[in-house]
Protein backbone atom coordinates (compact mmCIF):
# COMPACT_ATOMS: atom_id res chain seq x y z
CA MET A 1 99.58 128.00 67.16
CA ARG A 2 96.35 127.99 69.19
CA VAL A 3 96.12 124.20 68.98
CA ALA A 4 99.72 123.84 70.20
CA LEU A 5 99.09 126.27 73.06
CA TYR A 6 95.91 124.41 74.01
CA LEU A 7 97.77 121.07 74.00
CA ILE A 8 100.56 122.48 76.17
CA ILE A 9 98.05 123.88 78.69
CA THR A 10 96.04 120.65 78.71
CA LEU A 11 99.10 118.42 79.12
CA SER A 12 100.48 120.69 81.82
CA SER A 13 97.23 120.53 83.79
CA LEU A 14 97.12 116.74 83.44
CA LEU A 15 100.71 116.37 84.64
CA ASN A 16 99.94 118.44 87.73
CA ALA A 17 96.50 116.97 88.32
CA ASN A 18 95.72 116.05 91.89
CA ILE A 19 94.48 112.67 92.97
CA SER A 20 90.94 112.73 94.27
CA LEU A 21 89.49 110.41 96.87
CA PRO A 22 85.87 109.32 96.78
CA SER A 23 83.63 109.78 99.80
CA SER A 24 84.55 106.24 100.84
CA PHE A 25 86.23 103.10 99.64
CA LYS A 26 86.79 99.49 100.64
CA ALA A 27 89.72 97.30 99.67
CA ASP A 28 91.79 94.29 100.55
CA PHE A 29 95.40 95.16 101.34
CA ASN A 30 98.86 93.68 101.50
CA GLN A 31 101.24 95.62 103.73
CA THR A 32 104.96 94.89 103.70
CA ILE A 33 107.27 96.45 106.28
CA THR A 34 111.01 96.15 105.65
CA ASN A 35 113.47 97.15 108.37
CA GLN A 36 116.97 98.53 107.87
CA LYS A 37 118.41 94.99 107.98
CA LYS A 38 116.12 94.05 105.06
CA LYS A 39 113.97 91.80 107.25
CA LYS A 40 110.36 91.80 106.04
CA ILE A 41 107.02 91.18 107.65
CA GLU A 42 103.85 90.98 105.58
CA TYR A 43 100.32 91.69 106.72
CA HIS A 44 97.09 91.00 104.86
CA GLY A 45 93.55 92.17 105.50
CA ASN A 46 90.91 94.64 104.43
CA LEU A 47 90.11 98.25 105.12
CA THR A 48 87.36 100.81 104.91
CA PHE A 49 87.92 104.54 104.47
CA SER A 50 85.31 107.27 104.81
CA LYS A 51 85.62 111.02 104.64
CA PRO A 52 86.57 113.16 106.37
CA ASN A 53 89.37 110.94 107.75
CA SER A 54 88.18 107.65 109.23
CA LEU A 55 89.92 104.35 108.57
CA LYS A 56 89.24 100.85 109.79
CA TRP A 57 91.96 98.29 109.09
CA ILE A 58 91.18 94.64 109.75
CA TYR A 59 94.39 92.60 109.82
CA LEU A 60 93.78 88.92 109.14
CA LYS A 61 97.31 87.50 108.66
CA PRO A 62 99.76 86.83 110.26
CA THR A 63 97.94 88.20 113.33
CA LYS A 64 94.34 89.20 113.91
CA LYS A 65 94.07 92.85 114.76
CA ASP A 66 91.61 95.72 114.16
CA VAL A 67 92.89 99.28 113.90
CA CYS A 68 90.41 102.15 113.88
CA THR A 69 91.33 105.79 113.53
CA ASP A 70 89.76 109.16 113.03
CA ASP A 71 91.21 112.67 113.27
CA ASN A 72 91.93 112.38 117.00
CA ASN A 73 92.04 108.78 118.19
CA LEU A 74 93.60 105.46 117.34
CA ILE A 75 92.31 102.18 118.75
CA VAL A 76 94.14 98.88 118.28
CA VAL A 77 92.30 95.67 119.15
CA ASP A 78 94.81 92.83 119.22
CA HIS A 79 92.79 89.61 119.15
CA ASP A 80 95.84 87.36 119.61
CA LEU A 81 96.90 89.16 122.81
CA GLU A 82 93.30 89.90 123.88
CA GLN A 83 94.12 93.52 124.57
CA VAL A 84 93.04 96.97 123.43
CA SER A 85 95.29 100.01 123.15
CA LYS A 86 93.89 103.52 122.88
CA TYR A 87 95.92 106.53 121.75
CA THR A 88 95.31 110.22 121.21
CA LEU A 89 96.92 111.26 117.96
CA ASP A 90 99.42 114.09 117.83
CA ASP A 91 100.96 113.24 114.45
CA LYS A 92 98.05 112.07 112.35
CA PHE A 93 98.04 109.85 109.28
CA ASN A 94 95.69 112.02 107.29
CA LEU A 95 95.01 110.16 104.04
CA PRO A 96 92.99 112.96 102.39
CA ALA A 97 95.71 115.54 103.21
CA ILE A 98 98.44 113.24 101.91
CA ILE A 99 96.50 112.57 98.71
CA SER A 100 95.65 116.24 98.14
CA SER A 101 99.32 117.24 98.43
CA ALA A 102 100.38 114.70 95.79
CA LEU A 103 101.97 115.94 92.59
CA LYS A 104 102.25 113.83 89.49
CA GLU A 105 105.73 112.55 88.65
CA LYS A 106 104.92 110.33 85.68
CA LYS A 107 102.04 108.23 84.43
CA GLY A 108 100.26 106.77 87.45
CA LEU A 109 102.92 107.85 89.96
CA TYR A 110 102.65 110.73 92.42
CA LEU A 111 104.82 112.15 95.17
CA ALA A 112 103.23 113.64 98.28
CA LYS A 113 104.84 115.45 101.20
CA TYR A 114 102.96 115.65 104.47
CA ASN A 115 104.23 116.29 108.03
CA GLU A 116 107.86 116.13 106.89
CA LYS A 117 107.37 112.69 105.29
CA SER A 118 107.41 111.74 101.64
CA TYR A 119 104.88 109.31 100.20
CA LYS A 120 104.94 107.69 96.78
CA ILE A 121 101.47 106.95 95.49
CA GLU A 122 100.65 104.72 92.56
CA LEU A 123 97.27 104.63 90.82
CA ASP A 124 95.76 101.82 88.78
CA ILE A 125 94.47 102.27 85.22
CA LYS A 126 91.12 103.52 86.60
CA ASN A 127 92.91 106.22 88.68
CA ARG A 128 92.17 104.45 91.96
CA LEU A 129 94.72 103.94 94.71
CA LYS A 130 96.99 101.00 93.99
CA LYS A 131 100.00 101.51 96.31
CA VAL A 132 101.31 103.85 98.97
CA LEU A 133 105.02 103.70 99.86
CA TYR A 134 106.83 105.59 102.62
CA TYR A 135 109.31 105.36 105.50
CA ASP A 136 107.76 105.26 108.97
CA ASP A 137 109.11 106.93 112.13
CA LEU A 138 111.45 103.97 112.77
CA ASP A 139 112.95 104.18 109.25
CA ASN A 140 111.12 101.04 108.15
CA PHE A 141 110.08 100.99 104.50
CA VAL A 142 106.30 100.52 104.30
CA GLU A 143 104.49 99.41 101.16
CA ILE A 144 100.70 99.14 101.17
CA GLU A 145 99.09 97.59 98.12
CA PHE A 146 95.32 97.95 97.64
CA ILE A 147 93.48 95.09 95.91
CA ASN A 148 89.82 94.74 94.88
CA ILE A 149 89.27 98.42 95.65
CA ILE A 150 85.70 99.71 95.43
CA TYR A 151 85.09 103.46 95.42
CA SER A 152 81.76 104.90 96.60
CA ASN A 153 80.14 108.32 96.79
CA LYS A 154 78.43 107.42 100.08
CA ILE A 155 79.82 108.23 103.52
CA VAL A 156 80.18 105.14 105.75
CA LYS A 157 78.33 105.39 109.07
CA ASN A 158 80.59 105.95 112.09
CA LYS A 159 79.34 102.80 113.82
CA ASN A 160 80.65 100.72 110.89
CA LEU A 161 84.13 102.24 111.34
CA GLU A 162 84.41 101.63 115.08
CA CYS A 163 86.43 98.79 116.52
CA LYS A 164 84.35 96.31 118.48
CA ILE A 165 85.99 95.76 121.86
CA PRO A 166 85.30 92.46 123.63
CA LYS A 167 84.53 93.05 127.33
CA PHE A 168 87.15 90.62 128.64
CA TYR A 169 90.12 92.18 126.75
CA ASP A 170 92.70 94.12 128.73
CA LEU A 171 92.63 97.89 128.15
CA LEU A 172 95.86 99.88 127.80
CA GLN A 173 95.68 103.66 127.59
């Protein structure tokens, strides 16, 4: 009886286990955005994440673009258009908050709810992020797949997460 009770408690805790993020990680990514008419656009690049909530996305294909964000600001450096856009964030994409709200659905799959949005999260066999799926504010289906992900216990320095802005680019605020 005790063994059965122990197994039930253990399995229950595993099924409701939260996903944990390391202090930082780096990965390549494939991002597919599908609109309501089923038209797709695919982006490829790499990203760096560091706690508490800093992300630097470097888009390489089909356009060259850097996107840097922290808790308050978003900067987009569009190298093809030679322009920079700066935004103050009201509705933040808070990866740690999304991840911490995730509840396990089945092996390797989690469902998170954050700011009235639902996110499906898939982990690889080493319990690292593999995919994040959600609908954006324009009802586009977004799938982000992480490849070659490397977790680290070290915080990335802020200067390594900042977008470099060429002096001759136009600035939009």
